Protein backbone atom coordinates (compact mmCIF):
# COMPACT_ATOMS: atom_id res chain seq x y z
CA ILE A 1 22.62 6.92 -11.94
CA THR A 2 23.54 6.85 -15.55
CA SER A 3 21.29 5.76 -18.35
CA ASN A 4 23.62 2.79 -18.99
CA ASN A 5 23.05 1.54 -15.44
CA VAL A 6 19.29 1.80 -15.79
CA ALA A 7 19.26 0.11 -19.24
CA LYS A 8 21.57 -2.63 -18.05
CA ASN A 9 19.26 -3.39 -15.06
CA LYS A 10 15.90 -2.63 -16.59
CA ASN A 11 14.66 -6.28 -16.17
CA LYS A 12 16.05 -6.56 -12.64
CA SER A 13 14.98 -3.41 -10.87
CA ILE A 14 12.62 -0.48 -10.79
CA LEU A 15 13.81 2.99 -9.79
CA VAL A 16 11.53 5.24 -7.93
CA ILE A 17 12.49 8.81 -6.99
CA ILE A 18 11.02 9.53 -3.63
CA SER A 19 12.50 13.02 -3.19
CA THR A 20 15.26 15.00 -4.78
CA SER A 21 17.71 13.59 -2.27
CA SER A 22 16.66 9.96 -2.10
CA ILE A 23 16.42 7.15 -4.63
CA TYR A 24 14.98 3.70 -3.87
CA GLU A 25 15.64 0.57 -5.90
CA LEU A 26 12.80 -1.94 -5.73
CA LYS A 27 13.86 -5.39 -6.86
CA PRO A 28 11.06 -7.66 -8.12
CA GLY A 29 10.54 -11.07 -6.59
CA LYS A 30 10.88 -12.29 -3.08
CA GLU A 31 13.25 -9.58 -1.77
CA ARG A 32 12.38 -6.47 0.07
CA SER A 33 13.63 -3.22 -1.30
CA GLU A 34 17.08 -1.77 -0.71
CA THR A 35 17.62 1.94 -0.24
CA LEU A 36 20.11 3.70 -2.44
CA LEU A 37 21.64 6.84 -1.00
CA GLY A 38 23.51 9.45 -2.98
CA TRP A 39 23.63 10.45 -6.58
CA ARG A 40 25.13 9.33 -9.87
CA ASP A 41 28.27 7.25 -9.33
CA ASN A 42 28.42 7.78 -5.52
CA ILE A 43 25.63 5.38 -4.56
CA SER A 44 25.86 3.14 -1.54
CA ILE A 45 23.34 0.30 -0.92
CA ILE A 46 21.91 0.00 2.51
CA PRO A 47 19.25 -2.69 3.21
CA THR A 48 16.21 -1.07 4.77
CA ARG A 49 15.09 -4.32 6.42
CA TYR A 50 16.33 -7.86 6.58
CA ASN A 51 14.34 -10.30 4.49
CA TYR A 52 13.47 -13.12 6.88
CA GLY A 53 10.61 -14.26 4.68
CA GLU A 54 8.08 -12.18 2.92
CA TYR A 55 6.59 -12.59 -0.53
CA LYS A 56 4.93 -10.09 -2.79
CA ASN A 57 1.26 -10.05 -3.63
CA LEU A 58 1.04 -10.56 -7.42
CA HIS A 59 -2.43 -9.08 -7.85
CA ALA A 60 -2.93 -6.11 -5.50
CA PHE A 61 -1.19 -3.36 -3.57
CA ALA A 62 -1.42 -2.01 -0.05
CA ALA A 63 -0.02 1.32 1.10
CA LEU A 64 0.70 2.10 4.72
CA LYS A 65 0.20 5.80 5.41
CA ASP A 66 2.00 7.88 8.02
CA ASP A 67 -1.11 8.04 10.19
CA GLY A 68 -1.23 4.20 10.49
CA SER A 69 -4.06 3.75 7.99
CA VAL A 70 -4.02 1.44 4.98
CA VAL A 71 -5.12 2.05 1.40
CA THR A 72 -5.57 -0.93 -0.99
CA TRP A 73 -6.12 -1.36 -4.69
CA GLY A 74 -5.87 -3.97 -7.43
CA ASP A 75 -7.72 -7.28 -7.79
CA ASP A 76 -10.62 -7.16 -5.31
CA ASP A 77 -10.54 -10.87 -4.47
CA ARG A 78 -6.79 -10.95 -3.93
CA GLY A 79 -6.32 -8.07 -1.47
CA GLY A 80 -7.23 -4.99 -3.56
CA ASP A 81 -10.52 -4.70 -1.69
CA SER A 82 -10.09 -4.37 2.08
CA SER A 83 -13.58 -3.01 2.76
CA SER A 84 -14.54 -6.05 4.90
CA VAL A 85 -11.87 -5.00 7.44
CA SER A 86 -11.68 -1.27 6.64
CA SER A 87 -12.62 -0.23 10.16
CA ASP A 88 -9.58 -2.15 11.50
CA LEU A 89 -7.23 -0.41 9.03
CA THR A 90 -8.00 3.27 9.82
CA SER A 91 -5.20 3.60 12.34
CA GLY A 92 -2.56 1.76 14.33
CA VAL A 93 -1.02 -0.30 11.51
CA ILE A 94 2.73 -0.48 11.73
CA GLN A 95 3.62 -3.06 9.01
CA ILE A 96 1.97 -4.88 6.10
CA PHE A 97 2.93 -8.33 4.90
CA SER A 98 1.72 -10.32 1.92
CA THR A 99 1.32 -13.70 0.31
CA LYS A 100 0.69 -14.17 -3.36
CA LYS A 101 -3.02 -13.20 -3.00
CA ALA A 102 -3.58 -11.80 0.60
CA PHE A 103 -2.31 -9.26 3.08
CA ALA A 104 -1.75 -9.20 6.85
CA ALA A 105 -1.40 -5.98 8.78
CA LEU A 106 0.43 -5.84 12.07
CA LYS A 107 -0.99 -3.25 14.40
CA ASN A 108 0.71 -1.32 17.24
CA ASP A 109 -1.31 -3.23 19.83
CA GLY A 110 0.06 -6.58 18.66
CA SER A 111 -3.06 -7.61 16.81
CA VAL A 112 -3.25 -8.75 13.14
CA VAL A 113 -5.83 -7.95 10.48
CA THR A 114 -6.02 -9.98 7.24
CA TRP A 115 -7.74 -9.64 3.93
CA GLY A 116 -7.62 -11.07 0.38
CA ASP A 117 -7.92 -14.69 -0.85
CA ASP A 118 -9.24 -16.66 2.13
CA ASP A 119 -7.26 -19.80 1.26
CA LEU A 120 -3.92 -17.94 0.89
CA GLY A 121 -4.06 -16.10 4.26
CA GLY A 122 -6.97 -13.64 3.84
CA GLU A 123 -8.68 -15.43 6.72
CA ILE A 124 -6.93 -16.60 9.89
CA SER A 125 -9.63 -19.24 10.36
CA SER A 126 -13.05 -19.72 8.80
CA GLY A 127 -14.75 -16.31 8.87
CA VAL A 128 -12.07 -14.76 11.14
CA ASN A 129 -9.93 -11.86 9.89
CA THR A 130 -8.30 -10.74 13.12
CA LEU A 131 -5.84 -12.17 15.59
CA THR A 132 -5.91 -10.42 18.89
CA PRO A 133 -3.72 -10.81 22.01
CA SER A 134 -5.10 -13.24 24.61
CA GLU A 135 -5.45 -12.48 28.29
CA ASN A 136 -1.77 -13.20 28.99
CA ASN A 137 -0.91 -10.42 26.48
CA ASP A 138 0.95 -12.56 23.96
CA ILE A 139 1.06 -9.96 21.27
CA VAL A 140 2.25 -10.61 17.71
CA ILE A 141 5.68 -9.03 17.23
CA GLN A 142 6.48 -10.08 13.66
CA ILE A 143 4.76 -11.71 10.65
CA PHE A 144 6.43 -13.90 8.08
CA SER A 145 5.00 -15.16 4.79
CA ASN A 146 5.54 -17.40 1.91
CA TYR A 147 3.57 -17.45 -1.37
CA TYR A 148 0.59 -19.24 0.27
CA ALA A 149 0.69 -18.77 4.07
CA PHE A 150 1.50 -16.57 7.00
CA ALA A 151 3.25 -17.23 10.34
CA ALA A 152 2.99 -14.86 13.26
CA LEU A 153 5.67 -14.79 15.98
CA LYS A 154 4.21 -13.79 19.37
CA SER A 155 6.01 -12.10 22.26
CA ASP A 156 5.88 -15.29 24.30
CA GLY A 157 7.84 -17.12 21.61
CA SER A 158 4.86 -19.03 20.28
CA VAL A 159 3.82 -19.22 16.59
CA VAL A 160 0.48 -19.06 14.91
CA THR A 161 0.08 -20.06 11.20
CA TRP A 162 -2.67 -19.74 8.64
CA GLY A 163 -3.13 -20.02 4.89
CA ARG A 164 -2.69 -23.07 2.71
CA ASP A 165 -2.24 -26.10 4.87
CA TRP A 166 0.37 -27.76 2.65
CA ALA A 167 2.47 -24.53 2.56
CA GLY A 168 2.82 -24.10 6.29
CA GLY A 169 -0.63 -22.72 7.08
CA ASP A 170 -1.30 -25.82 9.13
CA SER A 171 1.44 -26.32 11.69
CA SER A 172 -0.54 -28.74 13.90
CA SER A 173 2.01 -31.53 13.35
CA VAL A 174 4.66 -29.46 15.18
CA SER A 175 2.37 -27.33 17.35
CA SER A 176 3.99 -28.62 20.61
CA ASP A 177 7.34 -27.30 19.37
CA LEU A 178 5.91 -23.86 18.57
CA THR A 179 4.42 -23.01 21.98
CA SER A 180 7.55 -21.12 23.19
CA GLY A 181 11.14 -20.39 22.53
CA VAL A 182 10.85 -19.41 18.85
CA ILE A 183 12.94 -16.30 18.04
CA GLN A 184 12.82 -16.28 14.22
CA ILE A 185 11.03 -17.89 11.33
CA PHE A 186 12.44 -18.48 7.92
CA SER A 187 10.51 -19.33 4.75
CA THR A 188 10.92 -20.73 1.29
CA GLU A 189 8.45 -20.16 -1.50
CA LYS A 190 6.10 -22.89 -0.19
CA ALA A 191 7.09 -23.65 3.39
CA PHE A 192 8.37 -22.34 6.68
């Protein structure tokens, strides 16, 4: 990558060198990162994951380690402090999702652990930070987010939502349509 390319894109991207043979371009905003392979002028862009709806936390960071544990830092009240759920984040986490001020971790057993601003998805319901499979083993297979709420797609095609009511956290008005058959969820900044 030439210095001209970096200077031209300095307000649009951040370059992080992961190893001597890999470069990753992280674009700010609502999009997940794209992986850049190669060096200098021979770079091809390959999306690492499709963005079906995930928004970045503006105040804290969460790192998923190779052993399935999670490390968090940043604003304590907005996801930087995960100590209230730390025992659930020591292993088994396979993905982390975020709203503007909260995180949700998907675990390999299909459960979900949340932390951060309670009103923006840090709690699934009052005082509850975990979503566990029921007796009929309807595990969460994917989590989606907007700035203010989360939606979890379960293996039986049902959907669970939480976060700001007006931003999709309350799906009670369409709950009968979300009990089965859902295969994908799409989001905007403030809705699903």
